[in-house]
Amino acid sequence: MGIGLINNSSIGVLNEKQQNIVETIKEDTQKLNELVSNLLKISQIHSNSTTFNMKISNVNELIESCATNFKTQAIDKGLDIMLDLEKELPEAKIDEEKIKWVLNNLVSNAIRYTERGSVKLKTYVKNKKIYICVIDTGRGIPNNYLEKVFEKFVRVEGFEIPEESTGLGLSIAKEVVEMHEGKIWCESELGFGSKFIFTIPLS
């Protein structure tokens, strides 16, 4: 029976137990969809036939769009999404779709692991590179995991991992950034939040 049919009121009112089952199915389906999506992205990146659609783009506009897309999700958790974007940021030659993958993953994670406070998106230019930062006020990451989190399926020991996490997002982000000849890394302090930073060379 499809989810759409289950949600259709024509089949009658569900009791509490049935409703819980439906919610579990929805959550599992969402997780499976995300896993399949991430596996497809990895396959695309590694495929010899895959080409990056590089074009001159306005990075600030991409970030503003990303912030708008996650605004409702942040509000639902009582979080603020803040922007600190460098004015007149130079344009960069990027594959917009794939950089959106990176942004969406970083912002999604920041919201997911932040219980109170804010998520800030920041841009600036230094040494002929655009720096893009996603800064949260979440739980933070232990020093010995700051590099490991970019590996596939890594779980931070002692941390409760949300069921919807597939363990692939940051590894995809790393590969995309490196294919843009950039770098990505994390700075964090336990109990005080994390800052994920990646760079894009100027055109």
C-alpha atoms as a PDB file:
ATOM      1  CA  MET A   1       0.000   0.000   0.000  1.00  0.00           C
ATOM      2  CA  GLY A   2       1.500   3.326  -1.033  1.00  0.00           C
ATOM      3  CA  ILE A   3       2.064   6.218   1.371  1.00  0.00           C
ATOM      4  CA  GLY A   4      -0.297   8.367  -0.659  1.00  0.00           C
ATOM      5  CA  LEU A   5      -3.087   5.823  -0.256  1.00  0.00           C
ATOM      6  CA  ILE A   6      -2.433   5.489   3.474  1.00  0.00           C
ATOM      7  CA  ASN A   7      -2.707   9.255   3.842  1.00  0.00           C
ATOM      8  CA  ASN A   8      -5.958   9.316   1.901  1.00  0.00           C
ATOM      9  CA  SER A   9      -8.823   9.959   4.320  1.00  0.00           C
ATOM     10  CA  SER A  10     -11.099   7.765   2.174  1.00  0.00           C
ATOM     11  CA  ILE A  11      -9.689   4.639   3.835  1.00  0.00           C
ATOM     12  CA  GLY A  12     -10.945   5.811   7.204  1.00  0.00           C
ATOM     13  CA  VAL A  13      -9.522   7.271  10.392  1.00  0.00           C
ATOM     14  CA  LEU A  14      -6.372   5.568  11.665  1.00  0.00           C
ATOM     15  CA  ASN A  15      -6.068   4.659  15.324  1.00  0.00           C
ATOM     16  CA  GLU A  16      -2.982   5.696  17.324  1.00  0.00           C
ATOM     17  CA  LYS A  17      -1.080   2.468  16.687  1.00  0.00           C
ATOM     18  CA  GLN A  18      -1.756   2.624  12.943  1.00  0.00           C
ATOM     19  CA  GLN A  19      -0.751   6.288  12.842  1.00  0.00           C
ATOM     20  CA  ASN A  20       2.554   5.468  14.565  1.00  0.00           C
ATOM     21  CA  ILE A  21       3.205   2.761  11.981  1.00  0.00           C
ATOM     22  CA  VAL A  22       2.498   5.223   9.166  1.00  0.00           C
ATOM     23  CA  GLU A  23       4.894   7.775  10.681  1.00  0.00           C
ATOM     24  CA  THR A  24       7.605   5.114  10.978  1.00  0.00           C
ATOM     25  CA  ILE A  25       7.099   4.125   7.334  1.00  0.00           C
ATOM     26  CA  LYS A  26       7.353   7.779   6.284  1.00  0.00           C
ATOM     27  CA  GLU A  27      10.586   8.274   8.232  1.00  0.00           C
ATOM     28  CA  ASP A  28      12.144   5.068   6.885  1.00  0.00           C
ATOM     29  CA  THR A  29      11.113   5.973   3.335  1.00  0.00           C
ATOM     30  CA  GLN A  30      12.642   9.428   3.690  1.00  0.00           C
ATOM     31  CA  LYS A  31      15.894   7.953   5.000  1.00  0.00           C
ATOM     32  CA  LEU A  32      15.997   5.390   2.172  1.00  0.00           C
ATOM     33  CA  ASN A  33      15.357   8.115  -0.416  1.00  0.00           C
ATOM     34  CA  GLU A  34      18.187  10.202   1.015  1.00  0.00           C
ATOM     35  CA  LEU A  35      20.541   7.217   1.028  1.00  0.00           C
ATOM     36  CA  VAL A  36      19.733   6.351  -2.592  1.00  0.00           C
ATOM     37  CA  SER A  37      20.119  10.008  -3.574  1.00  0.00           C
ATOM     38  CA  ASN A  38      23.540  10.209  -1.924  1.00  0.00           C
ATOM     39  CA  LEU A  39      24.695   6.944  -3.489  1.00  0.00           C
ATOM     40  CA  LEU A  40      23.645   8.259  -6.903  1.00  0.00           C
ATOM     41  CA  LYS A  41      25.610  11.446  -6.281  1.00  0.00           C
ATOM     42  CA  ILE A  42      28.721   9.444  -5.409  1.00  0.00           C
ATOM     43  CA  SER A  43      28.230   7.332  -8.538  1.00  0.00           C
ATOM     44  CA  GLN A  44      27.897  10.465 -10.667  1.00  0.00           C
ATOM     45  CA  ILE A  45      31.027  12.025  -9.203  1.00  0.00           C
ATOM     46  CA  HIS A  46      33.092   8.869  -9.793  1.00  0.00           C
ATOM     47  CA  SER A  47      31.693   8.174 -13.256  1.00  0.00           C
ATOM     48  CA  ASN A  48      34.045   8.909 -16.130  1.00  0.00           C
ATOM     49  CA  SER A  49      31.061  10.153 -18.116  1.00  0.00           C
ATOM     50  CA  THR A  50      30.159  12.790 -15.538  1.00  0.00           C
ATOM     51  CA  THR A  51      31.071  16.355 -16.409  1.00  0.00           C
ATOM     52  CA  PHE A  52      30.801  19.407 -14.237  1.00  0.00           C
ATOM     53  CA  ASN A  53      28.616  22.148 -15.673  1.00  0.00           C
ATOM     54  CA  MET A  54      30.958  24.990 -14.788  1.00  0.00           C
ATOM     55  CA  LYS A  55      29.764  28.548 -15.268  1.00  0.00           C
ATOM     56  CA  ILE A  56      30.322  31.978 -13.762  1.00  0.00           C
ATOM     57  CA  SER A  57      27.964  32.246 -10.791  1.00  0.00           C
ATOM     58  CA  ASN A  58      26.985  34.533  -7.941  1.00  0.00           C
ATOM     59  CA  VAL A  59      27.853  32.563  -4.811  1.00  0.00           C
ATOM     60  CA  ASN A  60      26.033  34.921  -2.451  1.00  0.00           C
ATOM     61  CA  GLU A  61      22.792  34.361  -4.350  1.00  0.00           C
ATOM     62  CA  LEU A  62      23.174  30.590  -3.969  1.00  0.00           C
ATOM     63  CA  ILE A  63      23.688  31.003  -0.236  1.00  0.00           C
ATOM     64  CA  GLU A  64      20.707  33.326   0.140  1.00  0.00           C
ATOM     65  CA  SER A  65      18.548  30.777  -1.695  1.00  0.00           C
ATOM     66  CA  CYS A  66      19.830  27.986   0.550  1.00  0.00           C
ATOM     67  CA  ALA A  67      19.035  30.005   3.684  1.00  0.00           C
ATOM     68  CA  THR A  68      15.512  30.656   2.418  1.00  0.00           C
ATOM     69  CA  ASN A  69      14.952  26.950   1.730  1.00  0.00           C
ATOM     70  CA  PHE A  70      15.936  25.993   5.285  1.00  0.00           C
ATOM     71  CA  LYS A  71      14.210  28.876   7.075  1.00  0.00           C
ATOM     72  CA  THR A  72      11.080  26.923   8.001  1.00  0.00           C
ATOM     73  CA  GLN A  73      13.091  23.941   9.239  1.00  0.00           C
ATOM     74  CA  ALA A  74      15.195  26.250  11.420  1.00  0.00           C
ATOM     75  CA  ILE A  75      12.166  28.077  12.809  1.00  0.00           C
ATOM     76  CA  ASP A  76      10.551  24.745  13.707  1.00  0.00           C
ATOM     77  CA  LYS A  77      13.571  24.061  15.966  1.00  0.00           C
ATOM     78  CA  GLY A  78      13.604  27.575  17.382  1.00  0.00           C
ATOM     79  CA  LEU A  79      16.811  28.497  15.543  1.00  0.00           C
ATOM     80  CA  ASP A  80      17.799  31.651  13.697  1.00  0.00           C
ATOM     81  CA  ILE A  81      19.410  31.525  10.252  1.00  0.00           C
ATOM     82  CA  MET A  82      21.797  34.443   9.881  1.00  0.00           C
ATOM     83  CA  LEU A  83      23.674  35.775   6.846  1.00  0.00           C
ATOM     84  CA  ASP A  84      27.037  37.548   6.927  1.00  0.00           C
ATOM     85  CA  LEU A  85      27.866  37.857   3.237  1.00  0.00           C
ATOM     86  CA  GLU A  86      30.670  39.974   1.863  1.00  0.00           C
ATOM     87  CA  LYS A  87      29.269  42.770  -0.247  1.00  0.00           C
ATOM     88  CA  GLU A  88      30.260  42.730  -3.916  1.00  0.00           C
ATOM     89  CA  LEU A  89      31.642  39.217  -3.577  1.00  0.00           C
ATOM     90  CA  PRO A  90      33.442  38.309  -6.826  1.00  0.00           C
ATOM     91  CA  GLU A  91      31.759  35.712  -9.012  1.00  0.00           C
ATOM     92  CA  ALA A  92      33.249  32.244  -9.288  1.00  0.00           C
ATOM     93  CA  LYS A  93      33.235  29.503 -11.895  1.00  0.00           C
ATOM     94  CA  ILE A  94      31.332  26.602 -10.348  1.00  0.00           C
ATOM     95  CA  ASP A  95      28.847  23.843 -10.988  1.00  0.00           C
ATOM     96  CA  GLU A  96      25.868  25.439  -9.231  1.00  0.00           C
ATOM     97  CA  GLU A  97      23.944  22.197  -8.723  1.00  0.00           C
ATOM     98  CA  LYS A  98      26.872  20.463  -7.043  1.00  0.00           C
ATOM     99  CA  ILE A  99      27.798  23.427  -4.860  1.00  0.00           C
ATOM    100  CA  LYS A 100      24.145  23.434  -3.777  1.00  0.00           C
ATOM    101  CA  TRP A 101      24.686  19.815  -2.668  1.00  0.00           C
ATOM    102  CA  VAL A 102      27.502  21.023  -0.424  1.00  0.00           C
ATOM    103  CA  LEU A 103      25.583  23.981   0.989  1.00  0.00           C
ATOM    104  CA  ASN A 104      22.417  21.972   1.591  1.00  0.00           C
ATOM    105  CA  ASN A 105      24.332  19.248   3.397  1.00  0.00           C
ATOM    106  CA  LEU A 106      26.252  21.631   5.642  1.00  0.00           C
ATOM    107  CA  VAL A 107      23.194  23.699   6.561  1.00  0.00           C
ATOM    108  CA  SER A 108      21.034  20.603   7.067  1.00  0.00           C
ATOM    109  CA  ASN A 109      23.648  19.129   9.416  1.00  0.00           C
ATOM    110  CA  ALA A 110      24.028  22.408  11.294  1.00  0.00           C
ATOM    111  CA  ILE A 111      20.287  22.559  11.962  1.00  0.00           C
ATOM    112  CA  ARG A 112      20.117  18.859  12.773  1.00  0.00           C
ATOM    113  CA  TYR A 113      22.832  19.013  15.455  1.00  0.00           C
ATOM    114  CA  THR A 114      21.957  22.404  16.966  1.00  0.00           C
ATOM    115  CA  GLU A 115      19.393  22.481  19.750  1.00  0.00           C
ATOM    116  CA  ARG A 116      19.399  26.220  20.438  1.00  0.00           C
ATOM    117  CA  GLY A 117      20.926  29.389  19.067  1.00  0.00           C
ATOM    118  CA  SER A 118      21.646  29.971  15.400  1.00  0.00           C
ATOM    119  CA  VAL A 119      23.147  28.856  12.122  1.00  0.00           C
ATOM    120  CA  LYS A 120      25.163  31.498  10.301  1.00  0.00           C
ATOM    121  CA  LEU A 121      26.249  31.471   6.640  1.00  0.00           C
ATOM    122  CA  LYS A 122      29.244  33.669   5.930  1.00  0.00           C
ATOM    123  CA  THR A 123      31.355  34.553   2.884  1.00  0.00           C
ATOM    124  CA  TYR A 124      34.587  36.480   2.436  1.00  0.00           C
ATOM    125  CA  VAL A 125      37.559  36.667   0.089  1.00  0.00           C
ATOM    126  CA  LYS A 126      41.166  35.926   1.011  1.00  0.00           C
ATOM    127  CA  ASN A 127      44.218  34.955  -1.043  1.00  0.00           C
ATOM    128  CA  LYS A 128      42.237  34.836  -4.310  1.00  0.00           C
ATOM    129  CA  LYS A 129      39.715  32.394  -2.880  1.00  0.00           C
ATOM    130  CA  ILE A 130      36.111  32.654  -1.780  1.00  0.00           C
ATOM    131  CA  TYR A 131      35.598  31.302   1.721  1.00  0.00           C
ATOM    132  CA  ILE A 132      32.152  29.933   2.562  1.00  0.00           C
ATOM    133  CA  CYS A 133      31.413  29.169   6.211  1.00  0.00           C
ATOM    134  CA  VAL A 134      28.504  27.456   7.935  1.00  0.00           C
ATOM    135  CA  ILE A 135      28.696  28.229  11.650  1.00  0.00           C
ATOM    136  CA  ASP A 136      26.432  26.723  14.295  1.00  0.00           C
ATOM    137  CA  THR A 137      26.002  26.922  18.052  1.00  0.00           C
ATOM    138  CA  GLY A 138      25.502  23.184  18.409  1.00  0.00           C
ATOM    139  CA  ARG A 139      27.163  20.441  20.408  1.00  0.00           C
ATOM    140  CA  GLY A 140      30.547  20.634  18.680  1.00  0.00           C
ATOM    141  CA  ILE A 141      32.826  17.844  17.431  1.00  0.00           C
ATOM    142  CA  PRO A 142      35.782  16.227  19.273  1.00  0.00           C
ATOM    143  CA  ASN A 143      39.212  17.170  17.879  1.00  0.00           C
ATOM    144  CA  ASN A 144      40.042  13.589  16.895  1.00  0.00           C
ATOM    145  CA  TYR A 145      37.021  13.530  14.567  1.00  0.00           C
ATOM    146  CA  LEU A 146      37.519  16.831  12.743  1.00  0.00           C
ATOM    147  CA  GLU A 147      39.063  15.042   9.736  1.00  0.00           C
ATOM    148  CA  LYS A 148      37.274  11.712  10.109  1.00  0.00           C
ATOM    149  CA  VAL A 149      33.814  13.273   9.686  1.00  0.00           C
ATOM    150  CA  PHE A 150      34.572  13.643   5.966  1.00  0.00           C
ATOM    151  CA  GLU A 151      34.969   9.874   5.565  1.00  0.00           C
ATOM    152  CA  LYS A 152      32.064   7.678   4.469  1.00  0.00           C
ATOM    153  CA  PHE A 153      29.791   6.263   7.188  1.00  0.00           C
ATOM    154  CA  VAL A 154      31.827   7.683  10.086  1.00  0.00           C
ATOM    155  CA  ARG A 155      29.908   8.052  13.350  1.00  0.00           C
ATOM    156  CA  VAL A 156      31.240  10.297  16.106  1.00  0.00           C
ATOM    157  CA  GLU A 157      31.706   8.085  19.159  1.00  0.00           C
ATOM    158  CA  GLY A 158      29.467   8.971  22.079  1.00  0.00           C
ATOM    159  CA  PHE A 159      27.118  11.094  19.964  1.00  0.00           C
ATOM    160  CA  GLU A 160      23.535  10.168  19.253  1.00  0.00           C
ATOM    161  CA  ILE A 161      23.127  10.139  15.478  1.00  0.00           C
ATOM    162  CA  PRO A 162      19.710  11.071  14.062  1.00  0.00           C
ATOM    163  CA  GLU A 163      18.079   8.190  12.202  1.00  0.00           C
ATOM    164  CA  GLU A 164      17.799  10.264   9.026  1.00  0.00           C
ATOM    165  CA  SER A 165      21.591  10.625   8.775  1.00  0.00           C
ATOM    166  CA  THR A 166      23.127   8.433   6.052  1.00  0.00           C
ATOM    167  CA  GLY A 167      26.779   9.111   6.869  1.00  0.00           C
ATOM    168  CA  LEU A 168      27.559  10.074   3.267  1.00  0.00           C
ATOM    169  CA  GLY A 169      26.838  13.789   3.005  1.00  0.00           C
ATOM    170  CA  LEU A 170      30.171  15.190   4.182  1.00  0.00           C
ATOM    171  CA  SER A 171      32.191  12.752   2.066  1.00  0.00           C
ATOM    172  CA  ILE A 172      30.214  13.902  -0.991  1.00  0.00           C
ATOM    173  CA  ALA A 173      30.776  17.532  -0.018  1.00  0.00           C
ATOM    174  CA  LYS A 174      34.532  16.930   0.233  1.00  0.00           C
ATOM    175  CA  GLU A 175      34.723  15.328  -3.208  1.00  0.00           C
ATOM    176  CA  VAL A 176      32.683  18.107  -4.834  1.00  0.00           C
ATOM    177  CA  VAL A 177      34.789  20.856  -3.258  1.00  0.00           C
ATOM    178  CA  GLU A 178      38.050  19.162  -4.237  1.00  0.00           C
ATOM    179  CA  MET A 179      36.824  18.788  -7.819  1.00  0.00           C
ATOM    180  CA  HIS A 180      36.409  22.576  -7.774  1.00  0.00           C
ATOM    181  CA  GLU A 181      40.089  22.759  -6.704  1.00  0.00           C
ATOM    182  CA  GLY A 182      39.013  23.938  -3.279  1.00  0.00           C
ATOM    183  CA  LYS A 183      39.397  22.642   0.267  1.00  0.00           C
ATOM    184  CA  ILE A 184      36.941  21.868   3.057  1.00  0.00           C
ATOM    185  CA  TRP A 185      37.567  21.487   6.766  1.00  0.00           C
ATOM    186  CA  CYS A 186      35.962  21.818  10.170  1.00  0.00           C
ATOM    187  CA  GLU A 187      36.835  23.856  13.247  1.00  0.00           C
ATOM    188  CA  SER A 188      34.995  23.023  16.448  1.00  0.00           C
ATOM    189  CA  GLU A 189      34.931  23.238  20.219  1.00  0.00           C
ATOM    190  CA  LEU A 190      32.881  20.778  22.225  1.00  0.00           C
ATOM    191  CA  GLY A 191      29.837  22.434  23.706  1.00  0.00           C
ATOM    192  CA  PHE A 192      30.276  25.619  21.692  1.00  0.00           C
ATOM    193  CA  GLY A 193      29.450  24.656  18.115  1.00  0.00           C
ATOM    194  CA  SER A 194      31.201  24.017  14.827  1.00  0.00           C
ATOM    195  CA  LYS A 195      32.358  25.932  11.797  1.00  0.00           C
ATOM    196  CA  PHE A 196      32.532  24.159   8.432  1.00  0.00           C
ATOM    197  CA  ILE A 197      34.555  26.083   5.870  1.00  0.00           C
ATOM    198  CA  PHE A 198      35.176  25.446   2.201  1.00  0.00           C
ATOM    199  CA  THR A 199      36.968  27.442  -0.455  1.00  0.00           C
ATOM    200  CA  ILE A 200      36.417  28.092  -4.136  1.00  0.00           C
ATOM    201  CA  PRO A 201      39.185  29.606  -6.273  1.00  0.00           C
ATOM    202  CA  LEU A 202      38.296  32.917  -7.882  1.00  0.00           C
ATOM    203  CA  SER A 203      37.710  32.819 -11.628  1.00  0.00           C
END
